[in-house]
Amino acid sequence: MIMPRLEENEDLNKIFSITNKFYVNMENQELFDRLINSVQKKESYYTLSLGLANLLANFRYVGLYDAKHVEEATELHSIVLAENIKELEVEEGKQYSKEKLPMDMNSNKEVLAYKDVVMEVQGKSLRGVFRDLVLLNENNIICIY
């Protein structure tokens, strides 16, 4: 493979887009209101990145949703706790991953609990039988842990 020669001072920066959605649910209304206000103003305590200093991230506030508990569903639009999967339909053209993620941390950033989650790597929906979910906007079912 032949690599093109780079001229001095040639810009090597690349721009790419990764889209993630984060849903937040909390009981402390005062803290929740502060979080909404901060996100709307694009204020953050730490610089948001995608794991590396040169992969800085952007964020925006989307809105509030009414949520309704769903005992069981056959399609899911988020990652899911492995323990909430009764059956997973593996579909052609989709890429699946199982990861162990921290679920609870103390104020010293020490992980108190980990759980396994399953996801479709490209952000596509999951099909199968899933339990203990949340319905948003009448057509978007997610897992909150």
Protein backbone atom coordinates (compact mmCIF):
# COMPACT_ATOMS: atom_id res chain seq x y z
CA MET A 1 0.00 0.00 0.00
CA ILE A 2 1.37 3.40 -0.96
CA MET A 3 0.57 6.28 1.39
CA PRO A 4 0.44 9.80 -0.07
CA ARG A 5 3.07 12.16 1.19
CA LEU A 6 1.70 14.84 3.49
CA GLU A 7 2.78 18.37 2.94
CA GLU A 8 3.98 20.35 5.93
CA ASN A 9 1.10 21.96 7.90
CA GLU A 10 -1.51 19.90 6.05
CA ASP A 11 -4.64 19.57 8.18
CA LEU A 12 -5.13 16.00 9.38
CA ASN A 13 -8.30 16.62 11.37
CA LYS A 14 -11.27 14.47 10.53
CA ILE A 15 -14.88 15.19 11.39
CA PHE A 16 -17.24 12.32 11.98
CA SER A 17 -20.54 11.90 13.71
CA ILE A 18 -21.66 9.42 16.35
CA THR A 19 -25.21 9.80 17.57
CA ASN A 20 -26.19 8.61 21.02
CA LYS A 21 -29.29 9.24 23.07
CA PHE A 22 -29.26 9.36 26.84
CA TYR A 23 -32.45 9.15 28.86
CA VAL A 24 -32.36 10.34 32.46
CA ASN A 25 -34.75 9.44 35.23
CA MET A 26 -34.30 10.65 38.79
CA GLU A 27 -36.42 11.11 41.88
CA ASN A 28 -34.80 14.34 43.13
CA GLN A 29 -36.77 17.04 41.25
CA GLU A 30 -34.40 19.87 42.26
CA LEU A 31 -31.37 17.98 40.92
CA PHE A 32 -33.32 17.01 37.78
CA ASP A 33 -34.25 20.67 37.14
CA ARG A 34 -30.60 21.71 37.57
CA LEU A 35 -29.53 19.03 35.09
CA ILE A 36 -32.09 20.17 32.50
CA ASN A 37 -31.02 23.79 32.93
CA SER A 38 -27.33 22.92 32.55
CA VAL A 39 -27.88 20.80 29.44
CA GLN A 40 -30.08 23.48 27.84
CA LYS A 41 -27.31 26.04 28.41
CA LYS A 42 -24.63 23.53 27.27
CA GLU A 43 -22.88 23.81 30.62
CA SER A 44 -20.80 20.89 31.83
CA TYR A 45 -18.54 20.26 34.79
CA TYR A 46 -16.11 18.15 32.76
CA THR A 47 -15.27 18.37 29.07
CA LEU A 48 -17.44 15.81 27.34
CA SER A 49 -15.44 13.40 25.18
CA LEU A 50 -15.85 10.02 23.55
CA GLY A 51 -13.09 8.50 25.63
CA LEU A 52 -10.10 10.30 24.12
CA ALA A 53 -8.98 13.91 24.44
CA ASN A 54 -9.08 14.43 20.67
CA LEU A 55 -12.65 13.06 20.40
CA LEU A 56 -14.57 15.92 21.99
CA ALA A 57 -18.33 15.54 22.00
CA ASN A 58 -21.28 17.87 21.64
CA PHE A 59 -24.65 17.54 23.33
CA ARG A 60 -28.09 19.09 23.19
CA TYR A 61 -31.32 19.02 25.14
CA VAL A 62 -34.16 17.23 23.33
CA GLY A 63 -37.07 17.35 25.76
CA LEU A 64 -39.17 15.67 28.41
CA TYR A 65 -41.15 12.50 27.78
CA ASP A 66 -44.02 10.88 29.59
CA ALA A 67 -42.90 7.39 30.47
CA LYS A 68 -45.03 4.34 31.10
CA HIS A 69 -43.83 1.01 32.51
CA VAL A 70 -44.14 -1.94 30.10
CA GLU A 71 -43.99 -5.47 31.48
CA GLU A 72 -42.94 -7.08 28.19
CA ALA A 73 -42.21 -6.07 24.58
CA THR A 74 -40.93 -7.68 21.36
CA GLU A 75 -38.96 -4.68 20.02
CA LEU A 76 -36.57 -2.41 21.90
CA HIS A 77 -34.91 0.89 20.86
CA SER A 78 -32.00 0.98 23.31
CA ILE A 79 -29.43 -1.21 24.96
CA VAL A 80 -30.92 -3.72 27.40
CA LEU A 81 -29.81 -5.33 30.61
CA ALA A 82 -28.94 -8.94 29.86
CA GLU A 83 -31.09 -9.99 32.81
CA ASN A 84 -34.14 -8.39 31.09
CA ILE A 85 -33.84 -10.56 27.97
CA LYS A 86 -36.18 -13.53 27.82
CA GLU A 87 -35.36 -14.22 24.16
CA LEU A 88 -33.15 -12.42 21.61
CA GLU A 89 -33.83 -12.75 17.89
CA VAL A 90 -30.51 -12.56 16.03
CA GLU A 91 -31.19 -10.85 12.70
CA GLU A 92 -29.05 -10.85 9.59
CA GLY A 93 -27.31 -7.52 8.95
CA LYS A 94 -27.19 -6.56 12.61
CA GLN A 95 -24.12 -6.60 14.87
CA TYR A 96 -24.59 -7.49 18.53
CA SER A 97 -22.36 -6.87 21.50
CA LYS A 98 -22.46 -7.76 25.18
CA GLU A 99 -20.58 -5.46 27.55
CA LYS A 100 -20.11 -5.25 31.31
CA LEU A 101 -20.88 -1.66 32.39
CA PRO A 102 -20.71 0.11 35.75
CA MET A 103 -24.22 0.63 37.15
CA ASP A 104 -23.49 2.33 40.45
CA MET A 105 -20.61 4.46 41.74
CA ASN A 106 -19.91 6.23 44.99
CA SER A 107 -18.74 9.85 45.31
CA ASN A 108 -15.09 8.70 44.99
CA LYS A 109 -15.89 7.25 41.54
CA GLU A 110 -15.46 3.70 42.85
CA VAL A 111 -17.70 1.24 41.05
CA LEU A 112 -20.14 -0.44 43.42
CA ALA A 113 -21.94 -2.64 40.88
CA TYR A 114 -21.52 -3.88 37.31
CA LYS A 115 -24.13 -5.44 35.02
CA ASP A 116 -24.08 -6.99 31.56
CA VAL A 117 -25.89 -5.13 28.76
CA VAL A 118 -26.66 -6.23 25.20
CA MET A 119 -26.75 -3.79 22.28
CA GLU A 120 -26.94 -3.60 18.52
CA VAL A 121 -23.66 -1.91 17.61
CA GLN A 122 -25.08 0.29 14.82
CA GLY A 123 -27.92 1.59 17.00
CA LYS A 124 -30.63 -0.49 15.33
CA SER A 125 -33.55 -1.85 17.35
CA LEU A 126 -33.42 -5.22 19.10
CA ARG A 127 -36.08 -7.88 18.53
CA GLY A 128 -37.03 -10.72 20.83
CA VAL A 129 -38.84 -10.84 24.15
CA PHE A 130 -37.76 -8.27 26.75
CA ARG A 131 -39.17 -7.48 30.20
CA ASP A 132 -39.34 -4.52 32.59
CA LEU A 133 -39.16 -1.67 30.06
CA VAL A 134 -40.34 1.91 29.57
CA LEU A 135 -42.56 3.23 26.77
CA LEU A 136 -41.84 6.77 25.51
CA ASN A 137 -44.00 8.66 23.00
CA GLU A 138 -46.19 5.65 22.14
CA ASN A 139 -43.61 4.04 19.80
CA ASN A 140 -40.20 4.18 21.48
CA ILE A 141 -39.51 1.41 24.02
CA ILE A 142 -36.32 1.61 26.06
CA CYS A 143 -34.66 -0.11 29.01
CA ILE A 144 -33.89 2.04 32.05
CA TYR A 145 -31.54 0.59 34.63
